[in-house]
Amino acid sequence: MAVIIENALGRRNIRLNTNDIIDIVREYQNVSKGSVSYEEIRTKLNEVEFYLPEEIIL
C-alpha cells in the first residue's frame, strides 16, 4: 500500500511498494493499449483518473 510520509518541513513523499508500481504499470498498459503515438497515449491518459491508496504515518 502506498504510504504518505511527511517530513519536518512539510514536504510529502509517497512510498510505493512493488505491488503499487505493478498496478500503476498495468493500468497504464490497459489505457494505452492500441495507441500508436505519444499524443494518442496522452489523450487517453487525460481522460482517466488514477488513484493511489494512502496510509498516513504520523
N, C-alpha and C. Protein backbone atom coordinates (compact mmCIF):
# COMPACT_ATOMS: atom_id res chain seq x y z
N MET A 1 0.84 -1.18 0.00
CA MET A 1 0.00 0.00 0.00
C MET A 1 0.89 1.24 0.00
N ALA A 2 0.51 2.23 -0.77
CA ALA A 2 1.25 3.48 -0.81
C ALA A 2 1.19 4.16 0.56
N VAL A 3 2.28 4.78 0.95
CA VAL A 3 2.35 5.44 2.24
C VAL A 3 2.82 6.86 2.03
N ILE A 4 2.06 7.83 2.57
CA ILE A 4 2.47 9.23 2.50
C ILE A 4 3.32 9.53 3.72
N ILE A 5 4.50 10.07 3.49
CA ILE A 5 5.43 10.38 4.57
C ILE A 5 5.68 11.88 4.54
N GLU A 6 5.44 12.53 5.67
CA GLU A 6 5.69 13.97 5.77
C GLU A 6 6.93 14.18 6.62
N ASN A 7 7.79 15.10 6.18
CA ASN A 7 8.97 15.40 7.00
C ASN A 7 8.72 16.67 7.81
N ALA A 8 9.71 17.09 8.57
CA ALA A 8 9.56 18.24 9.47
C ALA A 8 9.29 19.54 8.71
N LEU A 9 9.68 19.60 7.45
CA LEU A 9 9.48 20.82 6.66
C LEU A 9 8.14 20.82 5.92
N GLY A 10 7.34 19.78 6.12
CA GLY A 10 6.04 19.71 5.49
C GLY A 10 6.03 19.11 4.09
N ARG A 11 7.19 18.70 3.61
CA ARG A 11 7.25 18.08 2.29
C ARG A 11 6.70 16.66 2.39
N ARG A 12 5.90 16.28 1.41
CA ARG A 12 5.29 14.95 1.42
C ARG A 12 5.91 14.08 0.34
N ASN A 13 6.21 12.87 0.71
CA ASN A 13 6.70 11.86 -0.21
C ASN A 13 5.75 10.68 -0.17
N ILE A 14 5.61 10.00 -1.29
CA ILE A 14 4.77 8.81 -1.34
C ILE A 14 5.66 7.61 -1.60
N ARG A 15 5.66 6.69 -0.66
CA ARG A 15 6.44 5.47 -0.79
C ARG A 15 5.55 4.41 -1.42
N LEU A 16 6.02 3.80 -2.51
CA LEU A 16 5.26 2.77 -3.21
C LEU A 16 5.97 1.44 -3.03
N ASN A 17 5.19 0.38 -2.86
CA ASN A 17 5.80 -0.94 -2.82
C ASN A 17 5.73 -1.55 -4.23
N THR A 18 6.26 -2.72 -4.38
CA THR A 18 6.32 -3.38 -5.69
C THR A 18 4.93 -3.56 -6.28
N ASN A 19 3.97 -3.97 -5.48
CA ASN A 19 2.61 -4.17 -5.99
C ASN A 19 1.98 -2.88 -6.49
N ASP A 20 2.24 -1.76 -5.80
CA ASP A 20 1.72 -0.46 -6.24
C ASP A 20 2.26 -0.12 -7.63
N ILE A 21 3.55 -0.32 -7.82
CA ILE A 21 4.19 0.01 -9.10
C ILE A 21 3.63 -0.88 -10.20
N ILE A 22 3.52 -2.16 -9.93
CA ILE A 22 2.97 -3.09 -10.93
C ILE A 22 1.54 -2.72 -11.28
N ASP A 23 0.73 -2.34 -10.28
CA ASP A 23 -0.65 -1.93 -10.55
C ASP A 23 -0.71 -0.68 -11.43
N ILE A 24 0.16 0.28 -11.17
CA ILE A 24 0.20 1.50 -11.97
C ILE A 24 0.59 1.19 -13.40
N VAL A 25 1.62 0.37 -13.57
CA VAL A 25 2.06 0.00 -14.92
C VAL A 25 0.96 -0.77 -15.65
N ARG A 26 0.29 -1.67 -14.94
CA ARG A 26 -0.80 -2.45 -15.55
C ARG A 26 -1.92 -1.52 -16.03
N GLU A 27 -2.30 -0.56 -15.20
CA GLU A 27 -3.34 0.39 -15.60
C GLU A 27 -2.91 1.21 -16.81
N TYR A 28 -1.65 1.67 -16.79
CA TYR A 28 -1.11 2.42 -17.93
C TYR A 28 -1.19 1.58 -19.20
N GLN A 29 -0.80 0.31 -19.11
CA GLN A 29 -0.83 -0.56 -20.28
C GLN A 29 -2.26 -0.79 -20.77
N ASN A 30 -3.20 -0.94 -19.85
CA ASN A 30 -4.60 -1.13 -20.24
C ASN A 30 -5.15 0.10 -20.95
N VAL A 31 -4.82 1.28 -20.43
CA VAL A 31 -5.33 2.52 -21.01
C VAL A 31 -4.68 2.80 -22.36
N SER A 32 -3.38 2.56 -22.47
CA SER A 32 -2.65 2.94 -23.68
C SER A 32 -2.65 1.85 -24.75
N LYS A 33 -3.27 0.71 -24.47
CA LYS A 33 -3.29 -0.40 -25.42
C LYS A 33 -3.89 0.05 -26.75
N GLY A 34 -3.22 -0.27 -27.85
CA GLY A 34 -3.71 0.07 -29.17
C GLY A 34 -3.30 1.45 -29.65
N SER A 35 -2.67 2.23 -28.79
CA SER A 35 -2.23 3.57 -29.18
C SER A 35 -0.95 3.46 -30.00
N VAL A 36 -0.83 4.34 -30.98
CA VAL A 36 0.34 4.28 -31.85
C VAL A 36 1.22 5.52 -31.75
N SER A 37 0.77 6.52 -31.00
CA SER A 37 1.59 7.73 -30.89
C SER A 37 1.56 8.26 -29.46
N TYR A 38 2.56 9.05 -29.16
CA TYR A 38 2.67 9.69 -27.84
C TYR A 38 1.44 10.55 -27.57
N GLU A 39 1.01 11.31 -28.56
CA GLU A 39 -0.14 12.21 -28.40
C GLU A 39 -1.42 11.42 -28.10
N GLU A 40 -1.59 10.29 -28.76
CA GLU A 40 -2.77 9.46 -28.53
C GLU A 40 -2.76 8.89 -27.11
N ILE A 41 -1.60 8.47 -26.64
CA ILE A 41 -1.48 7.95 -25.27
C ILE A 41 -1.80 9.06 -24.27
N ARG A 42 -1.26 10.26 -24.48
CA ARG A 42 -1.53 11.39 -23.58
C ARG A 42 -3.01 11.73 -23.55
N THR A 43 -3.66 11.70 -24.70
CA THR A 43 -5.09 11.99 -24.77
C THR A 43 -5.88 10.97 -23.95
N LYS A 44 -5.55 9.70 -24.12
CA LYS A 44 -6.24 8.66 -23.37
C LYS A 44 -6.00 8.80 -21.86
N LEU A 45 -4.75 9.09 -21.47
CA LEU A 45 -4.43 9.23 -20.06
C LEU A 45 -5.12 10.44 -19.44
N ASN A 46 -5.32 11.50 -20.23
CA ASN A 46 -6.00 12.69 -19.73
C ASN A 46 -7.48 12.42 -19.45
N GLU A 47 -8.03 11.37 -20.04
CA GLU A 47 -9.45 11.06 -19.89
C GLU A 47 -9.73 10.13 -18.70
N VAL A 48 -8.70 9.57 -18.09
CA VAL A 48 -8.90 8.66 -16.97
C VAL A 48 -8.30 9.24 -15.70
N GLU A 49 -8.72 8.71 -14.56
CA GLU A 49 -8.17 9.12 -13.28
C GLU A 49 -7.49 7.92 -12.63
N PHE A 50 -6.32 8.14 -12.09
CA PHE A 50 -5.60 7.12 -11.35
C PHE A 50 -5.61 7.51 -9.88
N TYR A 51 -5.83 6.54 -9.02
CA TYR A 51 -5.82 6.78 -7.59
C TYR A 51 -4.81 5.87 -6.91
N LEU A 52 -4.13 6.42 -5.93
CA LEU A 52 -3.24 5.63 -5.08
C LEU A 52 -3.86 5.55 -3.71
N PRO A 53 -3.95 4.36 -3.14
CA PRO A 53 -4.44 4.29 -1.76
C PRO A 53 -3.41 4.95 -0.84
N GLU A 54 -3.85 5.52 0.24
CA GLU A 54 -2.87 6.16 1.12
C GLU A 54 -3.07 5.74 2.56
N GLU A 55 -1.98 5.73 3.24
CA GLU A 55 -1.97 5.47 4.66
C GLU A 55 -1.02 6.51 5.25
N ILE A 56 -1.52 7.35 6.12
CA ILE A 56 -0.70 8.43 6.64
C ILE A 56 -0.01 7.95 7.92
N ILE A 57 1.31 8.12 7.93
CA ILE A 57 2.11 7.77 9.10
C ILE A 57 2.38 9.03 9.90
N LEU A 58 2.07 9.03 11.15
CA LEU A 58 2.30 10.21 12.00
C LEU A 58 3.54 10.04 12.81
